[in-house]
């Protein structure tokens, strides 16, 4: 599962990364101006890899600093120093702290969708896959809420795009379940996907992790196929103990 903000820099060696970036930073800046065409493929790949490394290190460092010190206490100068690059170079990548955090969130969402896809693929039939995905989503909602960072990141166009991607992901599972008869088919899959996401948003306000599972169970209950009721018959059969009176034949008329 994607790591939390607090351990975002895990896996980076600060000293070695700083040395690498300081040696390569000037070369990359010069290369951007001097070489515009005919550059060897290997050199292009080297520059692209370096840029990705700088960008990823910046995202992880910023998220970790915000988690540690708070959003309003982090500056671009502090990010540049902790990442091991120059402040001017940092501004070539991002316009400010908020832009860095938005990019971090977009990467986080992409990783989260990949994780949900892995969870889906490890489960059994359509209903089991949906249950596994909703459980994973609810746990993520429970674990990441109520912070200043979350309040900032859960607004803007990138959030709308992420929500649509997630809705489409769940809709496809609902469609498959309806086609195989294990989930209800009397409501449009898009509407059911919206129902699932809104219902599981409540996980962010739960008091304990143990309460997540019952919430998912209740949500799944609303996705079950409706019971088919037998139509009422107009004729009612007499009870076994009910005596049916037989009409006596009429007496023949006297002549």
Protein backbone atom coordinates (compact mmCIF):
# COMPACT_ATOMS: atom_id res chain seq x y z
CA UNK A 1 0.00 0.00 0.00
CA UNK A 2 1.31 3.50 -0.68
CA UNK A 3 3.31 4.80 2.28
CA UNK A 4 1.98 7.56 4.46
CA UNK A 5 3.14 11.16 4.32
CA UNK A 6 5.14 10.79 7.48
CA UNK A 7 7.49 8.17 6.01
CA UNK A 8 7.53 9.66 2.52
CA UNK A 9 11.31 9.99 2.40
CA UNK A 10 11.96 6.37 3.29
CA UNK A 11 14.39 4.78 0.90
CA UNK A 12 16.34 7.96 0.09
CA UNK A 13 19.88 8.41 1.30
CA UNK A 14 20.07 12.14 1.96
CA UNK A 15 23.85 12.44 1.67
CA UNK A 16 24.29 10.39 -1.49
CA UNK A 17 21.31 12.05 -3.14
CA UNK A 18 22.61 15.50 -2.25
CA UNK A 19 26.05 14.67 -3.71
CA UNK A 20 24.54 13.33 -6.91
CA UNK A 21 22.26 16.29 -7.39
CA UNK A 22 24.96 18.86 -6.69
CA UNK A 23 27.28 17.28 -9.26
CA UNK A 24 24.62 16.90 -11.94
CA UNK A 25 22.56 20.03 -11.41
CA UNK A 26 24.84 22.41 -13.35
CA UNK A 27 25.30 19.92 -16.18
CA UNK A 28 21.54 19.47 -16.58
CA UNK A 29 20.86 23.21 -16.66
CA UNK A 30 23.56 23.75 -19.29
CA UNK A 31 22.33 20.82 -21.34
CA UNK A 32 18.79 22.19 -21.45
CA UNK A 33 20.08 25.33 -23.19
CA UNK A 34 22.87 23.97 -25.39
CA UNK A 35 21.44 20.73 -26.77
CA UNK A 36 18.10 20.84 -28.51
CA UNK A 37 18.37 18.13 -31.18
CA UNK A 38 20.46 15.15 -32.12
CA UNK A 39 21.22 14.27 -28.51
CA UNK A 40 22.28 10.64 -27.94
CA UNK A 41 19.46 8.45 -26.64
CA UNK A 42 21.44 7.29 -23.62
CA UNK A 43 22.18 10.89 -22.65
CA UNK A 44 18.49 11.78 -22.98
CA UNK A 45 17.53 8.87 -20.76
CA UNK A 46 20.17 9.89 -18.22
CA UNK A 47 18.78 13.44 -18.04
CA UNK A 48 15.18 12.20 -17.79
CA UNK A 49 16.14 9.82 -15.01
CA UNK A 50 17.91 12.64 -13.17
CA UNK A 51 14.88 14.90 -13.47
CA UNK A 52 12.57 12.16 -12.15
CA UNK A 53 14.96 11.60 -9.25
CA UNK A 54 14.98 15.30 -8.38
CA UNK A 55 11.21 15.55 -8.70
CA UNK A 56 10.49 12.46 -6.61
CA UNK A 57 12.95 13.52 -3.92
CA UNK A 58 11.35 16.98 -3.81
CA UNK A 59 7.84 15.53 -3.44
CA UNK A 60 8.82 13.14 -0.66
CA UNK A 61 10.89 15.70 1.20
CA UNK A 62 8.11 18.31 1.09
CA UNK A 63 5.44 15.90 2.28
CA UNK A 64 7.66 14.74 5.15
CA UNK A 65 8.46 18.33 6.18
CA UNK A 66 4.79 19.30 6.15
CA UNK A 67 3.88 16.26 8.24
CA UNK A 68 6.63 17.12 10.73
CA UNK A 69 6.41 20.92 10.97
CA UNK A 70 3.00 21.86 9.57
CA UNK A 71 1.99 23.33 6.25
CA UNK A 72 2.57 27.00 7.08
CA UNK A 73 6.06 26.42 8.48
CA UNK A 74 7.61 24.92 5.34
CA UNK A 75 9.37 27.16 2.81
CA UNK A 76 10.90 26.59 -0.60
CA UNK A 77 14.36 27.36 0.80
CA UNK A 78 13.92 24.68 3.44
CA UNK A 79 12.75 22.17 0.83
CA UNK A 80 15.72 22.94 -1.42
CA UNK A 81 18.17 22.54 1.45
CA UNK A 82 16.66 19.25 2.65
CA UNK A 83 16.48 17.86 -0.89
CA UNK A 84 20.04 18.89 -1.68
CA UNK A 85 19.41 21.18 -4.66
CA UNK A 86 19.62 24.92 -5.26
CA UNK A 87 16.60 27.11 -4.61
CA UNK A 88 16.68 28.40 -8.21
CA UNK A 89 16.67 24.83 -9.50
CA UNK A 90 13.70 24.00 -7.29
CA UNK A 91 11.70 26.85 -8.83
CA UNK A 92 12.39 25.39 -12.27
CA UNK A 93 10.35 22.38 -11.20
CA UNK A 94 7.65 23.94 -9.02
CA UNK A 95 6.19 27.40 -8.47
CA UNK A 96 5.66 26.95 -4.73
CA UNK A 97 4.99 24.63 -1.80
CA UNK A 98 1.34 24.09 -2.69
CA UNK A 99 2.25 23.09 -6.25
CA UNK A 100 4.66 20.52 -4.86
CA UNK A 101 2.00 19.07 -2.58
CA UNK A 102 -0.55 18.87 -5.38
CA UNK A 103 1.99 16.94 -7.49
CA UNK A 104 2.69 14.68 -4.51
CA UNK A 105 -1.03 14.00 -4.10
CA UNK A 106 -1.48 13.18 -7.79
CA UNK A 107 1.35 10.67 -7.54
CA UNK A 108 -0.15 9.30 -4.33
CA UNK A 109 -3.57 8.84 -5.98
CA UNK A 110 -2.01 7.04 -8.93
CA UNK A 111 -0.21 4.71 -6.55
CA UNK A 112 -3.41 4.15 -4.59
CA UNK A 113 -5.31 3.14 -7.73
CA UNK A 114 -2.51 0.72 -8.60
CA UNK A 115 -2.80 -0.76 -5.12
CA UNK A 116 -6.58 -1.16 -5.46
CA UNK A 117 -6.03 -2.90 -8.79
CA UNK A 118 -3.67 -5.36 -7.07
CA UNK A 119 -6.25 -5.97 -4.33
CA UNK A 120 -8.93 -6.57 -6.98
CA UNK A 121 -6.81 -9.05 -8.91
CA UNK A 122 -6.05 -11.13 -5.82
CA UNK A 123 -9.72 -11.74 -4.93
CA UNK A 124 -12.15 -14.31 -6.35
CA UNK A 125 -15.48 -13.58 -8.04
CA UNK A 126 -16.94 -10.16 -8.80
CA UNK A 127 -18.58 -9.76 -5.38
CA UNK A 128 -15.39 -10.75 -3.56
CA UNK A 129 -13.29 -8.39 -5.66
CA UNK A 130 -15.65 -5.51 -4.94
CA UNK A 131 -15.63 -6.28 -1.22
CA UNK A 132 -11.82 -6.35 -1.13
CA UNK A 133 -11.56 -3.03 -2.98
CA UNK A 134 -14.14 -1.29 -0.79
CA UNK A 135 -12.41 -2.59 2.33
CA UNK A 136 -9.04 -1.25 1.15
CA UNK A 137 -10.56 2.10 0.18
CA UNK A 138 -12.33 2.47 3.53
CA UNK A 139 -9.14 1.71 5.46
CA UNK A 140 -7.28 4.35 3.47
CA UNK A 141 -10.03 6.88 4.19
CA UNK A 142 -9.77 6.06 7.89
CA UNK A 143 -5.98 6.35 8.02
CA UNK A 144 -5.63 9.63 6.08
CA UNK A 145 -7.98 12.26 7.41
CA UNK A 146 -8.27 15.26 9.66
CA UNK A 147 -4.91 16.86 8.84
CA UNK A 148 -4.06 20.26 7.44
CA UNK A 149 -2.43 18.54 4.49
CA UNK A 150 -5.58 16.53 3.76
CA UNK A 151 -7.69 19.70 3.86
CA UNK A 152 -5.43 21.35 1.29
CA UNK A 153 -5.19 18.37 -1.03
CA UNK A 154 -8.89 17.53 -1.12
CA UNK A 155 -9.87 20.45 -3.25
CA UNK A 156 -9.11 21.46 -6.80
CA UNK A 157 -9.36 19.95 -10.25
CA UNK A 158 -6.88 17.16 -9.60
CA UNK A 159 -9.13 15.84 -6.83
CA UNK A 160 -12.14 15.79 -9.18
CA UNK A 161 -10.12 13.80 -11.70
CA UNK A 162 -8.99 11.37 -9.03
CA UNK A 163 -12.55 10.88 -7.78
CA UNK A 164 -13.76 10.18 -11.31
CA UNK A 165 -11.02 7.60 -11.83
CA UNK A 166 -11.95 5.89 -8.58
CA UNK A 167 -15.66 6.00 -9.43
CA UNK A 168 -15.01 4.42 -12.84
CA UNK A 169 -12.89 1.74 -11.19
CA UNK A 170 -15.69 0.74 -8.79
CA UNK A 171 -18.36 1.10 -11.50
CA UNK A 172 -16.64 -1.55 -13.61
CA UNK A 173 -16.70 -3.98 -10.67
CA UNK A 174 -20.38 -3.27 -10.07
CA UNK A 175 -21.18 -3.80 -13.74
CA UNK A 176 -19.44 -7.17 -13.74
CA UNK A 177 -21.25 -8.22 -10.58
CA UNK A 178 -24.63 -7.23 -12.02
CA UNK A 179 -23.96 -9.15 -15.22
CA UNK A 180 -23.12 -12.32 -13.29
CA UNK A 181 -26.12 -11.94 -10.97
CA UNK A 182 -24.23 -11.52 -7.68
CA UNK A 183 -24.97 -7.79 -7.39
CA UNK A 184 -28.12 -5.80 -8.02
CA UNK A 185 -28.91 -4.69 -11.56
CA UNK A 186 -31.96 -2.50 -10.92
CA UNK A 187 -29.86 0.63 -10.29
CA UNK A 188 -27.33 2.14 -12.73
CA UNK A 189 -23.70 1.18 -11.92
CA UNK A 190 -22.62 4.85 -11.91
CA UNK A 191 -25.19 5.63 -9.22
CA UNK A 192 -24.15 2.63 -7.14
CA UNK A 193 -20.49 3.65 -7.41
CA UNK A 194 -21.40 7.09 -6.10
CA UNK A 195 -23.34 5.44 -3.26
CA UNK A 196 -20.30 3.34 -2.30
CA UNK A 197 -17.88 6.27 -2.26
CA UNK A 198 -20.20 8.52 -0.27
CA UNK A 199 -21.03 5.77 2.21
CA UNK A 200 -17.40 4.88 2.85
CA UNK A 201 -16.42 8.52 3.30
CA UNK A 202 -17.81 8.01 6.81
CA UNK A 203 -14.71 5.92 7.55
CA UNK A 204 -12.75 9.15 7.94
CA UNK A 205 -14.74 10.01 11.06
CA UNK A 206 -14.71 6.60 12.74
CA UNK A 207 -13.17 6.35 16.19
CA UNK A 208 -11.38 3.04 15.64
CA UNK A 209 -10.07 0.86 12.86
CA UNK A 210 -12.28 -1.98 14.05
CA UNK A 211 -15.35 0.04 13.04
CA UNK A 212 -14.30 0.08 9.38
CA UNK A 213 -15.34 -3.50 8.67
CA UNK A 214 -18.97 -3.10 9.83
CA UNK A 215 -19.26 0.05 7.71
CA UNK A 216 -18.14 -1.89 4.63
CA UNK A 217 -20.60 -4.69 5.48
CA UNK A 218 -23.50 -2.25 5.67
CA UNK A 219 -22.45 -0.67 2.37
CA UNK A 220 -22.29 -4.05 0.67
CA UNK A 221 -25.76 -4.85 1.98
CA UNK A 222 -27.18 -2.13 -0.22
CA UNK A 223 -25.64 -3.78 -3.29
CA UNK A 224 -27.31 -7.16 -2.93
CA UNK A 225 -29.84 -8.22 -5.59
CA UNK A 226 -33.40 -7.39 -4.52
CA UNK A 227 -35.55 -10.32 -3.45
CA UNK A 228 -37.95 -11.51 -6.09
CA UNK A 229 -41.46 -11.63 -4.59
CA UNK A 230 -44.04 -14.03 -5.98
CA UNK A 231 -47.15 -12.34 -7.35
CA UNK A 232 -50.25 -12.72 -5.21
CA UNK A 233 -52.90 -15.10 -6.61
CA UNK A 234 -56.57 -14.14 -6.82
CA UNK A 235 -57.84 -17.63 -6.02
CA UNK A 236 -57.25 -18.92 -2.55
CA UNK A 237 -57.23 -22.59 -1.83
CA UNK A 238 -59.35 -23.70 1.12
CA UNK A 239 -57.57 -24.82 4.22
CA UNK A 240 -57.40 -28.50 4.88
CA UNK A 241 -59.63 -28.15 7.93
CA UNK A 242 -62.19 -26.07 6.11
CA UNK A 243 -65.30 -28.01 5.13
CA UNK A 244 -66.72 -27.20 1.75
CA UNK A 245 -70.46 -27.51 1.63
CA UNK A 246 -71.80 -29.27 -1.40
CA UNK A 247 -75.03 -28.02 -2.84
CA UNK A 248 -77.85 -30.56 -2.73
CA UNK A 249 -79.53 -31.30 -6.05
CA UNK A 250 -82.93 -29.74 -6.44
CA UNK A 251 -85.95 -31.89 -5.88
CA UNK A 252 -87.78 -32.68 -9.13
CA UNK A 253 -90.83 -30.58 -9.65
CA UNK A 254 -94.19 -32.20 -8.93
CA UNK A 255 -96.46 -32.77 -11.86
